[in-house]
Amino acid sequence: MTPGAHQALQSFDPDGEDVILSLAVSWAGAVREQLHNVKERVRNFHNVDNMYERMDGDVTMDDLAASWQAACTAEAMLVISADNLERWIKRLYTARGRQPRAPHPQLRALRNAIEHMDESEFDDDEWVARSGKSQKLGLGALPESRLLISVGSNDKVFDLISHDELQGIVNALLDELEREQTDYAKDRIAFDHEDR
């Protein structure tokens, strides 16, 4: 049978563990964890920020900085995890002889920007990273060759991809992987029954 668009994603290998599937599942777990972390940490940052602005309670600048750092790092880890999940699903498709899905361009661009941020020039007043003179990838590939590094919005990750859009990308990837795991489990059960 020629591989095609409607062929099942998985190809059960009774001789051993499916390493590629296992790695994709590992990244799926990381993505689920990071989705939870981002929501919690961004919400916490905005609460601490509001309390600090109102001078409500004993919130210090150190508390504000710590909550920002936690939120910013969680957003970066979510993007990196989602990109890795997308890469492993692509590898899974390729290993199964199927046409891999096209990567999400904004996700890849944002991941590259985060990975190359150390090559950036920083504007401390606006909390913006701008691409260096020779940087064509990473931040250089973003609109205006810049990345907002403050957690200024509940709506967008690094002010580039909306949380809803990123959640949609992640959910689609997780759904694909869940279908693959279901097919794999069915084939495993069928194989075990044949072997008796």
N, C-alpha and C. Protein backbone atom coordinates (compact mmCIF):
# COMPACT_ATOMS: atom_id res chain seq x y z
N MET A 1 0.85 -1.19 0.00
CA MET A 1 0.00 0.00 0.00
C MET A 1 0.88 1.24 0.00
N THR A 2 0.63 2.15 -0.92
CA THR A 2 1.40 3.38 -1.00
C THR A 2 0.98 4.33 0.10
N PRO A 3 1.97 4.93 0.82
CA PRO A 3 1.60 5.87 1.87
C PRO A 3 0.82 7.04 1.28
N GLY A 4 -0.23 7.41 1.95
CA GLY A 4 -1.04 8.51 1.48
C GLY A 4 -1.60 9.31 2.62
N ALA A 5 -2.37 10.30 2.27
CA ALA A 5 -2.89 11.23 3.27
C ALA A 5 -3.85 10.56 4.25
N HIS A 6 -4.56 9.51 3.81
CA HIS A 6 -5.56 8.90 4.68
C HIS A 6 -5.04 7.66 5.39
N GLN A 7 -3.81 7.30 5.15
CA GLN A 7 -3.22 6.14 5.82
C GLN A 7 -2.99 6.46 7.29
N ALA A 8 -3.15 5.46 8.14
CA ALA A 8 -2.90 5.67 9.57
C ALA A 8 -1.47 6.14 9.78
N LEU A 9 -1.31 7.00 10.75
CA LEU A 9 0.01 7.58 11.01
C LEU A 9 1.01 6.53 11.45
N GLN A 10 0.60 5.65 12.33
CA GLN A 10 1.57 4.73 12.93
C GLN A 10 1.77 3.48 12.09
N SER A 11 2.91 2.84 12.33
CA SER A 11 3.16 1.51 11.77
C SER A 11 3.73 0.68 12.91
N PHE A 12 2.93 -0.17 13.47
CA PHE A 12 3.30 -0.92 14.67
C PHE A 12 4.50 -1.82 14.40
N ASP A 13 5.48 -1.73 15.25
CA ASP A 13 6.66 -2.57 15.16
C ASP A 13 6.67 -3.53 16.34
N PRO A 14 6.33 -4.80 16.13
CA PRO A 14 6.23 -5.73 17.24
C PRO A 14 7.58 -6.10 17.85
N ASP A 15 8.67 -5.72 17.19
CA ASP A 15 9.99 -6.13 17.66
C ASP A 15 10.56 -5.24 18.76
N GLY A 16 9.94 -4.14 19.06
CA GLY A 16 10.51 -3.30 20.10
C GLY A 16 9.79 -1.99 20.28
N GLU A 17 10.36 -1.20 21.13
CA GLU A 17 9.83 0.11 21.48
C GLU A 17 9.95 1.04 20.28
N ASP A 18 8.99 1.90 20.12
CA ASP A 18 9.03 2.90 19.07
C ASP A 18 9.66 4.16 19.65
N VAL A 19 10.96 4.34 19.40
CA VAL A 19 11.71 5.43 20.00
C VAL A 19 11.17 6.79 19.58
N ILE A 20 10.87 6.94 18.31
CA ILE A 20 10.39 8.24 17.82
C ILE A 20 9.06 8.59 18.48
N LEU A 21 8.16 7.61 18.56
CA LEU A 21 6.89 7.85 19.23
C LEU A 21 7.12 8.21 20.70
N SER A 22 8.02 7.52 21.36
CA SER A 22 8.30 7.81 22.77
C SER A 22 8.82 9.22 22.97
N LEU A 23 9.69 9.68 22.08
CA LEU A 23 10.21 11.04 22.19
C LEU A 23 9.12 12.08 21.92
N ALA A 24 8.26 11.80 20.95
CA ALA A 24 7.14 12.71 20.70
C ALA A 24 6.23 12.78 21.92
N VAL A 25 5.95 11.64 22.53
CA VAL A 25 5.11 11.60 23.73
C VAL A 25 5.77 12.38 24.87
N SER A 26 7.09 12.26 24.99
CA SER A 26 7.82 13.01 26.02
C SER A 26 7.64 14.51 25.85
N TRP A 27 7.77 14.99 24.62
CA TRP A 27 7.59 16.42 24.37
C TRP A 27 6.13 16.84 24.57
N ALA A 28 5.21 15.96 24.28
CA ALA A 28 3.80 16.26 24.54
C ALA A 28 3.58 16.50 26.03
N GLY A 29 4.19 15.68 26.87
CA GLY A 29 4.09 15.87 28.31
C GLY A 29 4.67 17.20 28.74
N ALA A 30 5.81 17.57 28.15
CA ALA A 30 6.43 18.86 28.47
C ALA A 30 5.52 20.02 28.07
N VAL A 31 4.88 19.88 26.91
CA VAL A 31 3.98 20.94 26.42
C VAL A 31 2.78 21.10 27.35
N ARG A 32 2.18 19.98 27.76
CA ARG A 32 1.05 20.06 28.69
C ARG A 32 1.45 20.76 29.99
N GLU A 33 2.61 20.40 30.50
CA GLU A 33 3.10 21.01 31.74
C GLU A 33 3.35 22.51 31.55
N GLN A 34 3.95 22.88 30.42
CA GLN A 34 4.25 24.28 30.18
C GLN A 34 2.98 25.10 29.94
N LEU A 35 1.97 24.52 29.29
CA LEU A 35 0.71 25.24 29.13
C LEU A 35 0.13 25.62 30.50
N HIS A 36 0.17 24.67 31.41
CA HIS A 36 -0.31 24.93 32.77
C HIS A 36 0.55 26.00 33.45
N ASN A 37 1.87 25.87 33.34
CA ASN A 37 2.79 26.82 33.97
C ASN A 37 2.60 28.24 33.45
N VAL A 38 2.45 28.37 32.13
CA VAL A 38 2.30 29.71 31.55
C VAL A 38 1.06 30.40 32.09
N LYS A 39 -0.05 29.71 32.06
CA LYS A 39 -1.29 30.33 32.54
C LYS A 39 -1.16 30.76 33.98
N GLU A 40 -0.61 29.87 34.81
CA GLU A 40 -0.48 30.16 36.23
C GLU A 40 0.51 31.30 36.49
N ARG A 41 1.64 31.27 35.82
CA ARG A 41 2.69 32.27 36.08
C ARG A 41 2.35 33.64 35.50
N VAL A 42 1.71 33.68 34.33
CA VAL A 42 1.30 34.98 33.77
C VAL A 42 0.21 35.59 34.65
N ARG A 43 -0.74 34.77 35.09
CA ARG A 43 -1.78 35.26 35.99
C ARG A 43 -1.16 35.79 37.29
N ASN A 44 -0.21 35.05 37.84
CA ASN A 44 0.46 35.48 39.06
C ASN A 44 1.22 36.79 38.85
N PHE A 45 1.92 36.91 37.73
CA PHE A 45 2.64 38.14 37.44
C PHE A 45 1.70 39.33 37.40
N HIS A 46 0.58 39.20 36.71
CA HIS A 46 -0.35 40.32 36.62
C HIS A 46 -0.96 40.66 37.98
N ASN A 47 -1.21 39.65 38.80
CA ASN A 47 -1.70 39.92 40.16
C ASN A 47 -0.66 40.67 40.98
N VAL A 48 0.59 40.21 40.93
CA VAL A 48 1.66 40.88 41.68
C VAL A 48 1.89 42.29 41.14
N ASP A 49 1.85 42.43 39.82
CA ASP A 49 2.03 43.74 39.20
C ASP A 49 0.94 44.71 39.64
N ASN A 50 -0.32 44.25 39.63
CA ASN A 50 -1.43 45.10 40.08
C ASN A 50 -1.28 45.49 41.55
N MET A 51 -0.90 44.52 42.38
CA MET A 51 -0.70 44.81 43.80
C MET A 51 0.43 45.82 44.00
N TYR A 52 1.50 45.67 43.22
CA TYR A 52 2.64 46.58 43.32
C TYR A 52 2.23 48.00 42.90
N GLU A 53 1.49 48.10 41.81
CA GLU A 53 1.04 49.42 41.31
C GLU A 53 0.12 50.10 42.32
N ARG A 54 -0.73 49.33 43.00
CA ARG A 54 -1.68 49.90 43.97
C ARG A 54 -1.05 50.06 45.36
N MET A 55 0.22 49.59 45.49
CA MET A 55 0.89 49.57 46.79
C MET A 55 0.03 48.83 47.81
N ASP A 56 -0.49 47.70 47.34
CA ASP A 56 -1.39 46.87 48.14
C ASP A 56 -0.59 45.74 48.77
N GLY A 57 -0.46 45.74 50.06
CA GLY A 57 0.28 44.68 50.75
C GLY A 57 1.76 44.97 50.78
N ASP A 58 2.53 43.93 50.98
CA ASP A 58 3.98 44.06 51.13
C ASP A 58 4.73 43.62 49.88
N VAL A 59 4.19 43.88 48.71
CA VAL A 59 4.82 43.47 47.46
C VAL A 59 5.99 44.40 47.16
N THR A 60 7.17 43.79 46.99
CA THR A 60 8.38 44.57 46.71
C THR A 60 8.74 44.47 45.23
N MET A 61 9.70 45.29 44.84
CA MET A 61 10.21 45.23 43.47
C MET A 61 10.85 43.87 43.20
N ASP A 62 11.45 43.26 44.21
CA ASP A 62 12.02 41.92 44.06
C ASP A 62 10.92 40.88 43.79
N ASP A 63 9.77 41.02 44.46
CA ASP A 63 8.64 40.12 44.21
C ASP A 63 8.14 40.26 42.78
N LEU A 64 8.06 41.51 42.33
CA LEU A 64 7.61 41.79 40.97
C LEU A 64 8.59 41.20 39.95
N ALA A 65 9.89 41.40 40.19
CA ALA A 65 10.91 40.87 39.27
C ALA A 65 10.86 39.35 39.22
N ALA A 66 10.72 38.71 40.38
CA ALA A 66 10.67 37.25 40.43
C ALA A 66 9.45 36.71 39.69
N SER A 67 8.31 37.36 39.84
CA SER A 67 7.11 36.87 39.15
C SER A 67 7.22 37.11 37.65
N TRP A 68 7.85 38.21 37.23
CA TRP A 68 8.07 38.45 35.80
C TRP A 68 9.01 37.39 35.24
N GLN A 69 10.11 37.12 35.92
CA GLN A 69 11.08 36.13 35.44
C GLN A 69 10.43 34.76 35.28
N ALA A 70 9.60 34.38 36.24
CA ALA A 70 8.91 33.08 36.17
C ALA A 70 7.98 33.03 34.96
N ALA A 71 7.22 34.11 34.72
CA ALA A 71 6.29 34.15 33.59
C ALA A 71 7.02 34.15 32.26
N CYS A 72 8.05 34.96 32.16
CA CYS A 72 8.81 35.07 30.91
C CYS A 72 9.47 33.74 30.56
N THR A 73 10.07 33.10 31.55
CA THR A 73 10.72 31.80 31.33
C THR A 73 9.70 30.74 30.94
N ALA A 74 8.53 30.75 31.59
CA ALA A 74 7.49 29.77 31.26
C ALA A 74 7.02 29.94 29.82
N GLU A 75 6.86 31.20 29.37
CA GLU A 75 6.46 31.44 27.98
C GLU A 75 7.52 30.91 27.01
N ALA A 76 8.79 31.18 27.33
CA ALA A 76 9.88 30.71 26.46
C ALA A 76 9.91 29.19 26.41
N MET A 77 9.75 28.54 27.56
CA MET A 77 9.79 27.08 27.61
C MET A 77 8.59 26.47 26.86
N LEU A 78 7.44 27.13 26.91
CA LEU A 78 6.28 26.65 26.17
C LEU A 78 6.56 26.69 24.67
N VAL A 79 7.12 27.79 24.19
CA VAL A 79 7.43 27.91 22.76
C VAL A 79 8.44 26.85 22.34
N ILE A 80 9.49 26.67 23.13
CA ILE A 80 10.52 25.68 22.80
C ILE A 80 9.93 24.27 22.84
N SER A 81 9.13 23.99 23.85
CA SER A 81 8.51 22.65 23.95
C SER A 81 7.54 22.40 22.80
N ALA A 82 6.72 23.40 22.46
CA ALA A 82 5.76 23.24 21.35
C ALA A 82 6.49 23.02 20.04
N ASP A 83 7.58 23.75 19.82
CA ASP A 83 8.36 23.58 18.60
C ASP A 83 8.97 22.18 18.55
N ASN A 84 9.49 21.71 19.67
CA ASN A 84 10.06 20.35 19.70
C ASN A 84 9.00 19.29 19.47
N LEU A 85 7.81 19.48 20.03
CA LEU A 85 6.71 18.55 19.77
C LEU A 85 6.40 18.53 18.28
N GLU A 86 6.31 19.70 17.67
CA GLU A 86 6.03 19.78 16.24
C GLU A 86 7.12 19.06 15.44
N ARG A 87 8.38 19.22 15.83
CA ARG A 87 9.49 18.57 15.13
C ARG A 87 9.40 17.04 15.25
N TRP A 88 9.05 16.55 16.46
CA TRP A 88 8.99 15.10 16.64
C TRP A 88 7.79 14.49 15.94
N ILE A 89 6.70 15.23 15.84
CA ILE A 89 5.57 14.72 15.06
C ILE A 89 5.95 14.69 13.57
N LYS A 90 6.69 15.69 13.12
CA LYS A 90 7.18 15.68 11.74
C LYS A 90 8.07 14.45 11.51
N ARG A 91 8.95 14.18 12.45
CA ARG A 91 9.83 13.01 12.34
C ARG A 91 9.01 11.72 12.33
N LEU A 92 7.95 11.69 13.14
CA LEU A 92 7.07 10.53 13.18
C LEU A 92 6.41 10.31 11.82
N TYR A 93 5.89 11.38 11.22
CA TYR A 93 5.29 11.28 9.90
C TYR A 93 6.31 10.77 8.89
N THR A 94 7.51 11.34 8.92
CA THR A 94 8.56 10.95 7.97
C THR A 94 8.91 9.48 8.14
N ALA A 95 9.04 9.02 9.38
CA ALA A 95 9.36 7.62 9.65
C ALA A 95 8.25 6.68 9.17
N ARG A 96 7.01 7.17 9.15
CA ARG A 96 5.87 6.36 8.72
C ARG A 96 5.64 6.47 7.21
N GLY A 97 6.50 7.21 6.50
CA GLY A 97 6.36 7.35 5.06
C GLY A 97 5.24 8.27 4.64
N ARG A 98 4.85 9.19 5.52
CA ARG A 98 3.78 10.14 5.20
C ARG A 98 4.37 11.53 5.00
N GLN A 99 3.63 12.35 4.29
CA GLN A 99 4.04 13.73 4.07
C GLN A 99 3.93 14.49 5.38
N PRO A 100 5.05 15.04 5.88
CA PRO A 100 4.95 15.79 7.14
C PRO A 100 4.16 17.08 6.96
N ARG A 101 3.53 17.48 8.04
CA ARG A 101 2.79 18.74 8.02
C ARG A 101 3.80 19.89 7.96
N ALA A 102 3.38 21.01 7.39
CA ALA A 102 4.25 22.19 7.35
C ALA A 102 4.37 22.77 8.76
N PRO A 103 5.56 23.19 9.15
CA PRO A 103 5.69 23.79 10.48
C PRO A 103 4.95 25.12 10.55
N HIS A 104 4.48 25.45 11.74
CA HIS A 104 3.81 26.73 11.92
C HIS A 104 4.86 27.83 11.85
N PRO A 105 4.76 28.76 10.89
CA PRO A 105 5.84 29.74 10.68
C PRO A 105 6.09 30.65 11.89
N GLN A 106 5.03 31.09 12.56
CA GLN A 106 5.24 31.98 13.71
C GLN A 106 5.89 31.24 14.87
N LEU A 107 5.50 29.99 15.07
CA LEU A 107 6.08 29.21 16.15
C LEU A 107 7.57 29.02 15.92
N ARG A 108 7.95 28.65 14.71
CA ARG A 108 9.36 28.44 14.38
C ARG A 108 10.14 29.76 14.51
N ALA A 109 9.56 30.85 14.00
CA ALA A 109 10.25 32.14 14.08
C ALA A 109 10.45 32.58 15.53
N LEU A 110 9.44 32.39 16.36
CA LEU A 110 9.54 32.78 17.76
C LEU A 110 10.54 31.89 18.49
N ARG A 111 10.53 30.60 18.21
CA ARG A 111 11.51 29.69 18.83
C ARG A 111 12.93 30.12 18.46
N ASN A 112 13.15 30.42 17.17
CA ASN A 112 14.47 30.86 16.73
C ASN A 112 14.88 32.15 17.42
N ALA A 113 13.94 33.06 17.58
CA ALA A 113 14.23 34.34 18.24
C ALA A 113 14.65 34.11 19.69
N ILE A 114 13.94 33.23 20.38
CA ILE A 114 14.27 32.94 21.78
C ILE A 114 15.66 32.29 21.85
N GLU A 115 15.93 31.36 20.95
CA GLU A 115 17.21 30.66 20.96
C GLU A 115 18.39 31.58 20.64
N HIS A 116 18.15 32.64 19.86
CA HIS A 116 19.24 33.54 19.45
C HIS A 116 19.17 34.89 20.17
N MET A 117 18.39 34.97 21.22
CA MET A 117 18.24 36.25 21.90
C MET A 117 19.56 36.75 22.49
N ASP A 118 20.46 35.84 22.81
CA ASP A 118 21.75 36.24 23.37
C ASP A 118 22.59 37.04 22.37
N GLU A 119 22.23 37.03 21.09
CA GLU A 119 22.95 37.79 20.06
C GLU A 119 22.33 39.16 19.85
N SER A 120 21.35 39.51 20.67
CA SER A 120 20.55 40.72 20.46
C SER A 120 21.14 41.95 21.12
N GLU A 121 20.60 43.07 20.69
CA GLU A 121 20.84 44.34 21.37
C GLU A 121 19.57 44.63 22.16
N PHE A 122 19.73 45.15 23.38
CA PHE A 122 18.58 45.34 24.26
C PHE A 122 18.30 46.81 24.52
N ASP A 123 17.02 47.11 24.56
CA ASP A 123 16.54 48.44 24.93
C ASP A 123 15.93 48.31 26.32
N ASP A 124 16.65 48.81 27.32
CA ASP A 124 16.19 48.67 28.71
C ASP A 124 14.95 49.49 29.01
N ASP A 125 14.73 50.58 28.27
CA ASP A 125 13.55 51.41 28.52
C ASP A 125 12.27 50.74 28.05
N GLU A 126 12.32 50.13 26.86
CA GLU A 126 11.13 49.52 26.28
C GLU A 126 11.05 48.02 26.52
N TRP A 127 12.07 47.42 27.09
CA TRP A 127 12.15 45.97 27.29
C TRP A 127 11.95 45.24 25.96
N VAL A 128 12.79 45.61 25.01
CA VAL A 128 12.73 45.05 23.67
C VAL A 128 14.12 44.52 23.30
N ALA A 129 14.15 43.36 22.67
CA ALA A 129 15.38 42.82 22.08
C ALA A 129 15.32 43.08 20.59
N ARG A 130 16.39 43.66 20.06
CA ARG A 130 16.47 43.95 18.62
C ARG A 130 17.61 43.11 18.03
N SER A 131 17.43 42.72 16.77
CA SER A 131 18.46 41.88 16.15
C SER A 131 19.74 42.67 15.97
N GLY A 132 20.86 41.96 16.10
CA GLY A 132 22.16 42.56 15.82
C GLY A 132 22.29 42.84 14.34
N LYS A 133 23.34 43.52 13.98
CA LYS A 133 23.51 43.94 12.58
C LYS A 133 23.54 42.77 11.60
N SER A 134 24.19 41.68 11.96
CA SER A 134 24.32 40.57 11.01
C SER A 134 23.30 39.46 11.23
N GLN A 135 22.37 39.67 12.13
CA GLN A 135 21.44 38.60 12.49
C GLN A 135 20.27 38.54 11.50
N LYS A 136 20.25 37.49 10.69
CA LYS A 136 19.17 37.32 9.71
C LYS A 136 18.13 36.32 10.21
N LEU A 137 18.57 35.34 10.99
CA LEU A 137 17.65 34.39 11.60
C LEU A 137 17.31 34.91 12.99
N GLY A 138 16.56 34.14 13.72
CA GLY A 138 16.21 34.55 15.07
C GLY A 138 15.39 35.83 15.05
N LEU A 139 15.85 36.83 15.77
CA LEU A 139 15.11 38.09 15.84
C LEU A 139 15.03 38.79 14.49
N GLY A 140 16.04 38.58 13.66
CA GLY A 140 16.03 39.20 12.34
C GLY A 140 14.88 38.74 11.46
N ALA A 141 14.29 37.57 11.77
CA ALA A 141 13.18 37.04 10.98
C ALA A 141 11.82 37.51 11.50
N LEU A 142 11.81 38.19 12.64
CA LEU A 142 10.54 38.65 13.22
C LEU A 142 10.11 39.98 12.61
N PRO A 143 8.81 40.29 12.71
CA PRO A 143 8.37 41.61 12.25
C PRO A 143 9.16 42.70 12.99
N GLU A 144 9.67 43.64 12.22
CA GLU A 144 10.46 44.76 12.75
C GLU A 144 11.76 44.29 13.42
N SER A 145 12.12 43.03 13.25
CA SER A 145 13.35 42.46 13.82
C SER A 145 13.49 42.75 15.31
N ARG A 146 12.38 42.60 16.03
CA ARG A 146 12.39 42.90 17.46
C ARG A 146 11.47 41.95 18.21
N LEU A 147 11.74 41.80 19.50
CA LEU A 147 10.94 40.93 20.35
C LEU A 147 10.70 41.63 21.67
N LEU A 148 9.43 41.79 22.02
CA LEU A 148 9.07 42.37 23.30
C LEU A 148 9.34 41.33 24.38
N ILE A 149 10.17 41.68 25.35
CA ILE A 149 10.51 40.70 26.37
C ILE A 149 9.80 40.92 27.69
N SER A 150 8.89 41.85 27.72
CA SER A 150 8.10 41.97 28.94
C SER A 150 6.85 41.12 28.81
N VAL A 151 6.30 40.71 29.94
CA VAL A 151 5.04 39.97 29.93
C VAL A 151 3.95 41.03 30.04
N GLY A 152 3.77 41.76 28.96
CA GLY A 152 2.90 42.91 29.04
C GLY A 152 1.44 42.62 28.74
N SER A 153 1.15 41.42 28.30
CA SER A 153 -0.20 41.15 27.86
C SER A 153 -0.64 39.77 28.31
N ASN A 154 -1.90 39.67 28.69
CA ASN A 154 -2.47 38.35 28.99
C ASN A 154 -2.79 37.62 27.69
N ASP A 155 -2.78 38.34 26.56
CA ASP A 155 -3.28 37.80 25.31
C ASP A 155 -2.23 37.15 24.42
N LYS A 156 -0.97 37.61 24.48
CA LYS A 156 0.03 37.13 23.54
C LYS A 156 1.31 36.71 24.24
N VAL A 157 1.93 35.67 23.69
CA VAL A 157 3.24 35.22 24.15
C VAL A 157 4.28 36.08 23.45
N PHE A 158 5.08 36.79 24.24
CA PHE A 158 6.08 37.72 23.72
C PHE A 158 5.47 38.72 22.72
N ASP A 159 4.19 39.00 22.91
CA ASP A 159 3.46 39.95 22.07
C ASP A 159 3.49 39.56 20.59
N LEU A 160 3.63 38.26 20.30
CA LEU A 160 3.72 37.82 18.90
C LEU A 160 2.64 36.82 18.54
N ILE A 161 2.48 35.77 19.32
CA ILE A 161 1.46 34.74 19.07
C ILE A 161 0.47 34.80 20.21
N SER A 162 -0.81 34.86 19.88
CA SER A 162 -1.80 34.90 20.95
C SER A 162 -1.79 33.58 21.71
N HIS A 163 -2.11 33.67 23.00
CA HIS A 163 -2.20 32.46 23.81
C HIS A 163 -3.21 31.49 23.20
N ASP A 164 -4.32 32.02 22.68
CA ASP A 164 -5.34 31.16 22.07
C ASP A 164 -4.80 30.45 20.82
N GLU A 165 -4.05 31.20 19.99
CA GLU A 165 -3.50 30.59 18.78
C GLU A 165 -2.46 29.54 19.15
N LEU A 166 -1.59 29.85 20.11
CA LEU A 166 -0.58 28.88 20.54
C LEU A 166 -1.24 27.65 21.14
N GLN A 167 -2.30 27.88 21.94
CA GLN A 167 -3.03 26.75 22.50
C GLN A 167 -3.65 25.92 21.39
N GLY A 168 -4.16 26.57 20.34
CA GLY A 168 -4.73 25.85 19.20
C GLY A 168 -3.69 25.00 18.48
N ILE A 169 -2.49 25.56 18.27
CA ILE A 169 -1.40 24.82 17.64
C ILE A 169 -1.06 23.60 18.49
N VAL A 170 -0.89 23.83 19.78
CA VAL A 170 -0.51 22.76 20.70
C VAL A 170 -1.60 21.69 20.76
N ASN A 171 -2.85 22.10 20.87
CA ASN A 171 -3.95 21.13 20.94
C ASN A 171 -4.02 20.28 19.68
N ALA A 172 -3.79 20.88 18.50
CA ALA A 172 -3.80 20.12 17.25
C ALA A 172 -2.67 19.09 17.25
N LEU A 173 -1.49 19.49 17.74
CA LEU A 173 -0.37 18.55 17.80
C LEU A 173 -0.65 17.43 18.79
N LEU A 174 -1.21 17.78 19.95
CA LEU A 174 -1.52 16.76 20.95
C LEU A 174 -2.60 15.81 20.45
N ASP A 175 -3.59 16.33 19.71
CA ASP A 175 -4.64 15.48 19.13
C ASP A 175 -4.05 14.49 18.14
N GLU A 176 -3.12 14.97 17.30
CA GLU A 176 -2.48 14.07 16.34
C GLU A 176 -1.74 12.95 17.06
N LEU A 177 -1.01 13.33 18.09
CA LEU A 177 -0.24 12.34 18.82
C LEU A 177 -1.14 11.37 19.57
N GLU A 178 -2.26 11.85 20.08
CA GLU A 178 -3.20 10.97 20.78
C GLU A 178 -3.79 9.94 19.81
N ARG A 179 -4.11 10.38 18.59
CA ARG A 179 -4.60 9.44 17.58
C ARG A 179 -3.54 8.37 17.28
N GLU A 180 -2.30 8.80 17.19
CA GLU A 180 -1.21 7.86 16.93
C GLU A 180 -1.09 6.85 18.07
N GLN A 181 -1.17 7.31 19.31
CA GLN A 181 -1.07 6.41 20.45
C GLN A 181 -2.25 5.43 20.49
N THR A 182 -3.44 5.89 20.13
CA THR A 182 -4.61 5.02 20.10
C THR A 182 -4.43 3.93 19.04
N ASP A 183 -3.97 4.32 17.85
CA ASP A 183 -3.71 3.35 16.79
C ASP A 183 -2.63 2.36 17.22
N TYR A 184 -1.60 2.86 17.87
CA TYR A 184 -0.51 2.01 18.32
C TYR A 184 -1.02 0.98 19.34
N ALA A 185 -1.86 1.44 20.28
CA ALA A 185 -2.41 0.54 21.30
C ALA A 185 -3.29 -0.53 20.66
N LYS A 186 -4.13 -0.15 19.68
CA LYS A 186 -4.98 -1.13 18.99
C LYS A 186 -4.14 -2.19 18.29
N ASP A 187 -3.09 -1.74 17.60
CA ASP A 187 -2.22 -2.69 16.91
C ASP A 187 -1.51 -3.60 17.90
N ARG A 188 -1.12 -3.06 19.02
CA ARG A 188 -0.44 -3.88 20.04
C ARG A 188 -1.37 -4.96 20.58
N ILE A 189 -2.61 -4.59 20.85
CA ILE A 189 -3.60 -5.56 21.34
C ILE A 189 -3.85 -6.64 20.29
N ALA A 190 -4.01 -6.21 19.03
CA ALA A 190 -4.23 -7.17 17.95
C ALA A 190 -3.03 -8.11 17.81
N PHE A 191 -1.83 -7.59 17.91
CA PHE A 191 -0.63 -8.40 17.80
C PHE A 191 -0.56 -9.42 18.95
N ASP A 192 -0.85 -8.93 20.16
CA ASP A 192 -0.83 -9.83 21.34
C ASP A 192 -1.84 -10.96 21.19
N HIS A 193 -3.02 -10.67 20.63
CA HIS A 193 -4.05 -11.71 20.43
C HIS A 193 -3.64 -12.71 19.36
N GLU A 194 -2.99 -12.23 18.30
CA GLU A 194 -2.52 -13.12 17.24
C GLU A 194 -1.43 -14.06 17.74
N ASP A 195 -0.65 -13.57 18.69
CA ASP A 195 0.51 -14.33 19.19
C ASP A 195 0.12 -15.47 20.10
N ARG A 196 -1.14 -15.52 20.56
CA ARG A 196 -1.58 -16.57 21.49
C ARG A 196 -1.96 -17.83 20.80
